[in-house]
Amino acid sequence: MTKEKPLHHVVLIGFMGTGKSTVSKQLAELLKCGTADIDAEIVRREGQAIADIFAARGEADFRLAETAALAEVLGSSDPLVIATGGGAVLSERNRAMMLQDSFVVALTADPEQIIARVSEDAARPLLQGDVRERVYKLLEDRKHAYAFAHLTVDTSDLSVRQVVELIEHGIKMRF
């Protein structure tokens, strides 16, 4: 196996409710590095909650803010575990930035698990209305959006610790 260039960041991608934010914290502890949550960065930079950005400015404006926040975080000289928003992969520019100096991990989960995990979260603007219907529609729309990742981990029946261990193993195999 040929070794890739040195790892700088680990970027977690995946649909909402797959565990990106939770896994990022434990993975960062294990790797002894910092963590960044792109959604939190957007809120910090924009001074508005994500739902408020969607309501006031629309999804297109939110996606621009997301790209700017992602670029800033990926530009960090310190290694980070980065949790992206579920739709960050929709932009070709974002995907290219993620692949530049990072190990990209796609977290997946069974649709019913996702529904159970996100159904009580009213702060998710893309889930307004029938949550089940919206989750299935968005999953269908994005079914190939996460395929560029170096590693895919199904979190449906795994503990956070198990997910973190699988990612650590994937990193060791690649680097």
C-alpha atoms as a PDB file:
ATOM      1  CA  MET A   1       0.000   0.000   0.000  1.00  0.00           C
ATOM      2  CA  THR A   2       1.360   3.406  -0.918  1.00  0.00           C
ATOM      3  CA  LYS A   3       1.175   6.091   1.700  1.00  0.00           C
ATOM      4  CA  GLU A   4      -0.791   9.230   0.951  1.00  0.00           C
ATOM      5  CA  LYS A   5       0.420  12.707   1.881  1.00  0.00           C
ATOM      6  CA  PRO A   6       0.203  13.407   5.627  1.00  0.00           C
ATOM      7  CA  LEU A   7      -3.221  13.762   7.158  1.00  0.00           C
ATOM      8  CA  HIS A   8      -4.198  17.275   8.156  1.00  0.00           C
ATOM      9  CA  HIS A   9      -7.921  17.152   8.982  1.00  0.00           C
ATOM     10  CA  VAL A  10     -10.592  14.503   9.334  1.00  0.00           C
ATOM     11  CA  VAL A  11     -13.871  15.683   7.794  1.00  0.00           C
ATOM     12  CA  LEU A  12     -17.121  13.972   8.751  1.00  0.00           C
ATOM     13  CA  ILE A  13     -19.870  14.162   6.168  1.00  0.00           C
ATOM     14  CA  GLY A  14     -23.287  12.547   6.051  1.00  0.00           C
ATOM     15  CA  PHE A  15     -26.983  13.121   6.257  1.00  0.00           C
ATOM     16  CA  MET A  16     -28.415  14.864   9.315  1.00  0.00           C
ATOM     17  CA  GLY A  17     -28.809  12.575  12.289  1.00  0.00           C
ATOM     18  CA  THR A  18     -25.972  10.220  11.362  1.00  0.00           C
ATOM     19  CA  GLY A  19     -23.850  11.339  14.317  1.00  0.00           C
ATOM     20  CA  LYS A  20     -21.319  13.761  12.838  1.00  0.00           C
ATOM     21  CA  SER A  21     -21.282  16.244  15.734  1.00  0.00           C
ATOM     22  CA  THR A  22     -21.225  13.576  18.443  1.00  0.00           C
ATOM     23  CA  VAL A  23     -18.586  11.438  16.734  1.00  0.00           C
ATOM     24  CA  SER A  24     -16.378  14.458  15.976  1.00  0.00           C
ATOM     25  CA  LYS A  25     -15.926  15.268  19.658  1.00  0.00           C
ATOM     26  CA  GLN A  26     -14.888  11.751  20.673  1.00  0.00           C
ATOM     27  CA  LEU A  27     -12.702  11.283  17.597  1.00  0.00           C
ATOM     28  CA  ALA A  28     -10.911  14.568  18.304  1.00  0.00           C
ATOM     29  CA  GLU A  29     -10.237  13.400  21.867  1.00  0.00           C
ATOM     30  CA  LEU A  30      -8.786  10.145  20.587  1.00  0.00           C
ATOM     31  CA  LEU A  31      -6.649  11.885  17.955  1.00  0.00           C
ATOM     32  CA  LYS A  32      -5.631  14.597  20.439  1.00  0.00           C
ATOM     33  CA  CYS A  33      -6.631  17.437  18.161  1.00  0.00           C
ATOM     34  CA  GLY A  34      -9.254  20.155  18.000  1.00  0.00           C
ATOM     35  CA  THR A  35     -12.742  19.907  16.601  1.00  0.00           C
ATOM     36  CA  ALA A  36     -14.928  22.238  14.568  1.00  0.00           C
ATOM     37  CA  ASP A  37     -18.619  22.067  13.767  1.00  0.00           C
ATOM     38  CA  ILE A  38     -19.433  23.895  10.540  1.00  0.00           C
ATOM     39  CA  ASP A  39     -23.023  24.641  11.601  1.00  0.00           C
ATOM     40  CA  ALA A  40     -21.723  26.258  14.816  1.00  0.00           C
ATOM     41  CA  GLU A  41     -19.185  28.221  12.772  1.00  0.00           C
ATOM     42  CA  ILE A  42     -21.958  29.522  10.510  1.00  0.00           C
ATOM     43  CA  VAL A  43     -23.975  30.675  13.519  1.00  0.00           C
ATOM     44  CA  ARG A  44     -20.880  32.376  14.974  1.00  0.00           C
ATOM     45  CA  ARG A  45     -19.934  34.079  11.703  1.00  0.00           C
ATOM     46  CA  GLU A  46     -23.458  35.124  10.684  1.00  0.00           C
ATOM     47  CA  GLY A  47     -24.812  35.988  14.129  1.00  0.00           C
ATOM     48  CA  GLN A  48     -28.030  34.105  13.362  1.00  0.00           C
ATOM     49  CA  ALA A  49     -29.401  30.638  14.010  1.00  0.00           C
ATOM     50  CA  ILE A  50     -29.417  28.384  10.966  1.00  0.00           C
ATOM     51  CA  ALA A  51     -33.215  28.253  10.911  1.00  0.00           C
ATOM     52  CA  ASP A  52     -33.261  32.071  10.935  1.00  0.00           C
ATOM     53  CA  ILE A  53     -30.795  32.244   8.040  1.00  0.00           C
ATOM     54  CA  PHE A  54     -32.983  29.869   6.028  1.00  0.00           C
ATOM     55  CA  ALA A  55     -36.138  31.849   6.890  1.00  0.00           C
ATOM     56  CA  ALA A  56     -34.715  35.324   6.265  1.00  0.00           C
ATOM     57  CA  ARG A  57     -32.234  34.721   3.461  1.00  0.00           C
ATOM     58  CA  GLY A  58     -33.066  31.345   1.943  1.00  0.00           C
ATOM     59  CA  GLU A  59     -31.131  28.151   1.349  1.00  0.00           C
ATOM     60  CA  ALA A  60     -28.879  29.621  -1.373  1.00  0.00           C
ATOM     61  CA  ASP A  61     -27.547  32.280   1.016  1.00  0.00           C
ATOM     62  CA  PHE A  62     -27.109  29.668   3.721  1.00  0.00           C
ATOM     63  CA  ARG A  63     -25.059  27.505   1.330  1.00  0.00           C
ATOM     64  CA  LEU A  64     -22.765  30.481   0.582  1.00  0.00           C
ATOM     65  CA  ALA A  65     -22.253  31.022   4.313  1.00  0.00           C
ATOM     66  CA  GLU A  66     -21.578  27.299   4.690  1.00  0.00           C
ATOM     67  CA  THR A  67     -18.864  27.358   2.007  1.00  0.00           C
ATOM     68  CA  ALA A  68     -17.197  30.379   3.627  1.00  0.00           C
ATOM     69  CA  ALA A  69     -17.226  28.741   7.067  1.00  0.00           C
ATOM     70  CA  LEU A  70     -15.883  25.470   5.642  1.00  0.00           C
ATOM     71  CA  ALA A  71     -13.057  27.272   3.838  1.00  0.00           C
ATOM     72  CA  GLU A  72     -12.091  29.114   7.023  1.00  0.00           C
ATOM     73  CA  VAL A  73     -12.041  25.948   9.133  1.00  0.00           C
ATOM     74  CA  LEU A  74     -10.190  23.886   6.519  1.00  0.00           C
ATOM     75  CA  GLY A  75      -7.594  26.665   6.379  1.00  0.00           C
ATOM     76  CA  SER A  76      -6.648  26.063  10.006  1.00  0.00           C
ATOM     77  CA  SER A  77      -2.991  25.187  10.479  1.00  0.00           C
ATOM     78  CA  ASP A  78      -3.929  22.966  13.421  1.00  0.00           C
ATOM     79  CA  PRO A  79      -5.304  19.492  12.663  1.00  0.00           C
ATOM     80  CA  LEU A  80      -9.038  19.284  13.303  1.00  0.00           C
ATOM     81  CA  VAL A  81     -11.899  16.831  13.240  1.00  0.00           C
ATOM     82  CA  ILE A  82     -14.570  18.720  11.315  1.00  0.00           C
ATOM     83  CA  ALA A  83     -18.290  17.960  11.442  1.00  0.00           C
ATOM     84  CA  THR A  84     -20.033  19.342   8.370  1.00  0.00           C
ATOM     85  CA  GLY A  85     -23.697  20.029   7.859  1.00  0.00           C
ATOM     86  CA  GLY A  86     -25.560  17.349   5.927  1.00  0.00           C
ATOM     87  CA  GLY A  87     -25.824  19.462   2.781  1.00  0.00           C
ATOM     88  CA  ALA A  88     -22.221  20.707   2.661  1.00  0.00           C
ATOM     89  CA  VAL A  89     -21.448  18.012   0.080  1.00  0.00           C
ATOM     90  CA  LEU A  90     -23.912  19.465  -2.421  1.00  0.00           C
ATOM     91  CA  SER A  91     -21.311  21.975  -3.623  1.00  0.00           C
ATOM     92  CA  GLU A  92     -18.526  20.725  -5.906  1.00  0.00           C
ATOM     93  CA  ARG A  93     -16.279  23.429  -4.441  1.00  0.00           C
ATOM     94  CA  ASN A  94     -16.912  22.132  -0.918  1.00  0.00           C
ATOM     95  CA  ARG A  95     -16.166  18.553  -1.945  1.00  0.00           C
ATOM     96  CA  ALA A  96     -12.903  19.624  -3.591  1.00  0.00           C
ATOM     97  CA  MET A  97     -11.864  21.607  -0.500  1.00  0.00           C
ATOM     98  CA  MET A  98     -12.622  18.653   1.770  1.00  0.00           C
ATOM     99  CA  LEU A  99     -10.511  16.291  -0.309  1.00  0.00           C
ATOM    100  CA  GLN A 100      -7.527  18.615  -0.524  1.00  0.00           C
ATOM    101  CA  ASP A 101      -5.737  17.809   2.758  1.00  0.00           C
ATOM    102  CA  SER A 102      -8.286  15.765   4.662  1.00  0.00           C
ATOM    103  CA  PHE A 103      -9.445  12.244   5.285  1.00  0.00           C
ATOM    104  CA  VAL A 104     -13.171  12.330   4.508  1.00  0.00           C
ATOM    105  CA  VAL A 105     -15.507   9.965   6.356  1.00  0.00           C
ATOM    106  CA  ALA A 106     -19.157   9.544   5.378  1.00  0.00           C
ATOM    107  CA  LEU A 107     -21.454   8.559   8.224  1.00  0.00           C
ATOM    108  CA  THR A 108     -24.653   6.837   7.172  1.00  0.00           C
ATOM    109  CA  ALA A 109     -27.643   5.408   9.003  1.00  0.00           C
ATOM    110  CA  ASP A 110     -30.838   3.573   8.266  1.00  0.00           C
ATOM    111  CA  PRO A 111     -33.637   6.031   7.342  1.00  0.00           C
ATOM    112  CA  GLU A 112     -35.774   4.937  10.299  1.00  0.00           C
ATOM    113  CA  GLN A 113     -32.833   5.543  12.656  1.00  0.00           C
ATOM    114  CA  ILE A 114     -32.380   9.008  11.163  1.00  0.00           C
ATOM    115  CA  ILE A 115     -36.075   9.779  11.592  1.00  0.00           C
ATOM    116  CA  ALA A 116     -35.948   8.657  15.230  1.00  0.00           C
ATOM    117  CA  ARG A 117     -32.868  10.787  15.869  1.00  0.00           C
ATOM    118  CA  VAL A 118     -34.090  14.016  14.222  1.00  0.00           C
ATOM    119  CA  SER A 119     -37.869  13.945  14.575  1.00  0.00           C
ATOM    120  CA  GLU A 120     -37.904  16.014  17.776  1.00  0.00           C
ATOM    121  CA  ASP A 121     -35.482  18.664  16.497  1.00  0.00           C
ATOM    122  CA  ALA A 122     -37.545  21.655  15.347  1.00  0.00           C
ATOM    123  CA  ALA A 123     -34.349  23.595  14.529  1.00  0.00           C
ATOM    124  CA  ARG A 124     -33.804  21.674  11.275  1.00  0.00           C
ATOM    125  CA  PRO A 125     -35.218  23.889   8.520  1.00  0.00           C
ATOM    126  CA  LEU A 126     -35.123  21.200   5.827  1.00  0.00           C
ATOM    127  CA  LEU A 127     -37.430  18.983   7.883  1.00  0.00           C
ATOM    128  CA  GLN A 128     -40.425  21.293   8.098  1.00  0.00           C
ATOM    129  CA  GLY A 129     -43.661  19.400   7.514  1.00  0.00           C
ATOM    130  CA  ASP A 130     -43.802  15.596   7.407  1.00  0.00           C
ATOM    131  CA  VAL A 131     -40.410  14.537   8.796  1.00  0.00           C
ATOM    132  CA  ARG A 132     -40.608  10.983   7.436  1.00  0.00           C
ATOM    133  CA  GLU A 133     -41.481  12.177   3.955  1.00  0.00           C
ATOM    134  CA  ARG A 134     -38.765  14.872   3.997  1.00  0.00           C
ATOM    135  CA  VAL A 135     -36.065  12.467   5.231  1.00  0.00           C
ATOM    136  CA  TYR A 136     -36.846   9.894   2.536  1.00  0.00           C
ATOM    137  CA  LYS A 137     -37.004  12.578  -0.171  1.00  0.00           C
ATOM    138  CA  LEU A 138     -33.719  14.202   0.865  1.00  0.00           C
ATOM    139  CA  LEU A 139     -32.001  10.812   1.182  1.00  0.00           C
ATOM    140  CA  GLU A 140     -33.133   9.951  -2.348  1.00  0.00           C
ATOM    141  CA  ASP A 141     -31.971  13.336  -3.659  1.00  0.00           C
ATOM    142  CA  ARG A 142     -28.568  12.902  -2.002  1.00  0.00           C
ATOM    143  CA  LYS A 143     -28.062   9.158  -2.455  1.00  0.00           C
ATOM    144  CA  HIS A 144     -24.755   9.624  -4.314  1.00  0.00           C
ATOM    145  CA  ALA A 145     -23.655  12.894  -2.686  1.00  0.00           C
ATOM    146  CA  TYR A 146     -21.446  11.231  -0.073  1.00  0.00           C
ATOM    147  CA  ALA A 147     -19.765   8.713  -2.413  1.00  0.00           C
ATOM    148  CA  PHE A 148     -16.517  10.703  -2.659  1.00  0.00           C
ATOM    149  CA  ALA A 149     -15.518   9.872   0.942  1.00  0.00           C
ATOM    150  CA  HIS A 150     -12.423   7.817   1.682  1.00  0.00           C
ATOM    151  CA  LEU A 151     -14.378   5.744   4.223  1.00  0.00           C
ATOM    152  CA  THR A 152     -18.066   5.105   4.903  1.00  0.00           C
ATOM    153  CA  VAL A 153     -19.357   3.987   8.307  1.00  0.00           C
ATOM    154  CA  ASP A 154     -22.973   2.969   8.955  1.00  0.00           C
ATOM    155  CA  THR A 155     -23.792   4.274  12.437  1.00  0.00           C
ATOM    156  CA  SER A 156     -27.235   2.639  12.681  1.00  0.00           C
ATOM    157  CA  ASP A 157     -26.346  -0.107  15.151  1.00  0.00           C
ATOM    158  CA  LEU A 158     -22.993   1.092  16.476  1.00  0.00           C
ATOM    159  CA  SER A 159     -22.053   2.977  19.601  1.00  0.00           C
ATOM    160  CA  VAL A 160     -20.179   6.256  19.200  1.00  0.00           C
ATOM    161  CA  ARG A 161     -17.073   4.482  20.500  1.00  0.00           C
ATOM    162  CA  GLN A 162     -17.377   1.779  17.836  1.00  0.00           C
ATOM    163  CA  VAL A 163     -17.741   4.406  15.105  1.00  0.00           C
ATOM    164  CA  VAL A 164     -14.677   6.261  16.386  1.00  0.00           C
ATOM    165  CA  GLU A 165     -12.651   3.022  16.442  1.00  0.00           C
ATOM    166  CA  LEU A 166     -13.646   2.205  12.853  1.00  0.00           C
ATOM    167  CA  ILE A 167     -12.579   5.670  11.722  1.00  0.00           C
ATOM    168  CA  GLU A 168      -9.287   5.382  13.612  1.00  0.00           C
ATOM    169  CA  HIS A 169      -8.653   2.037  11.881  1.00  0.00           C
ATOM    170  CA  GLY A 170      -9.498   3.595   8.499  1.00  0.00           C
ATOM    171  CA  ILE A 171      -7.033   6.419   9.099  1.00  0.00           C
ATOM    172  CA  LYS A 172      -4.281   3.982  10.084  1.00  0.00           C
ATOM    173  CA  MET A 173      -4.911   1.876   6.978  1.00  0.00           C
ATOM    174  CA  ARG A 174      -4.660   4.888   4.709  1.00  0.00           C
ATOM    175  CA  PHE A 175      -1.832   6.840   6.306  1.00  0.00           C
END
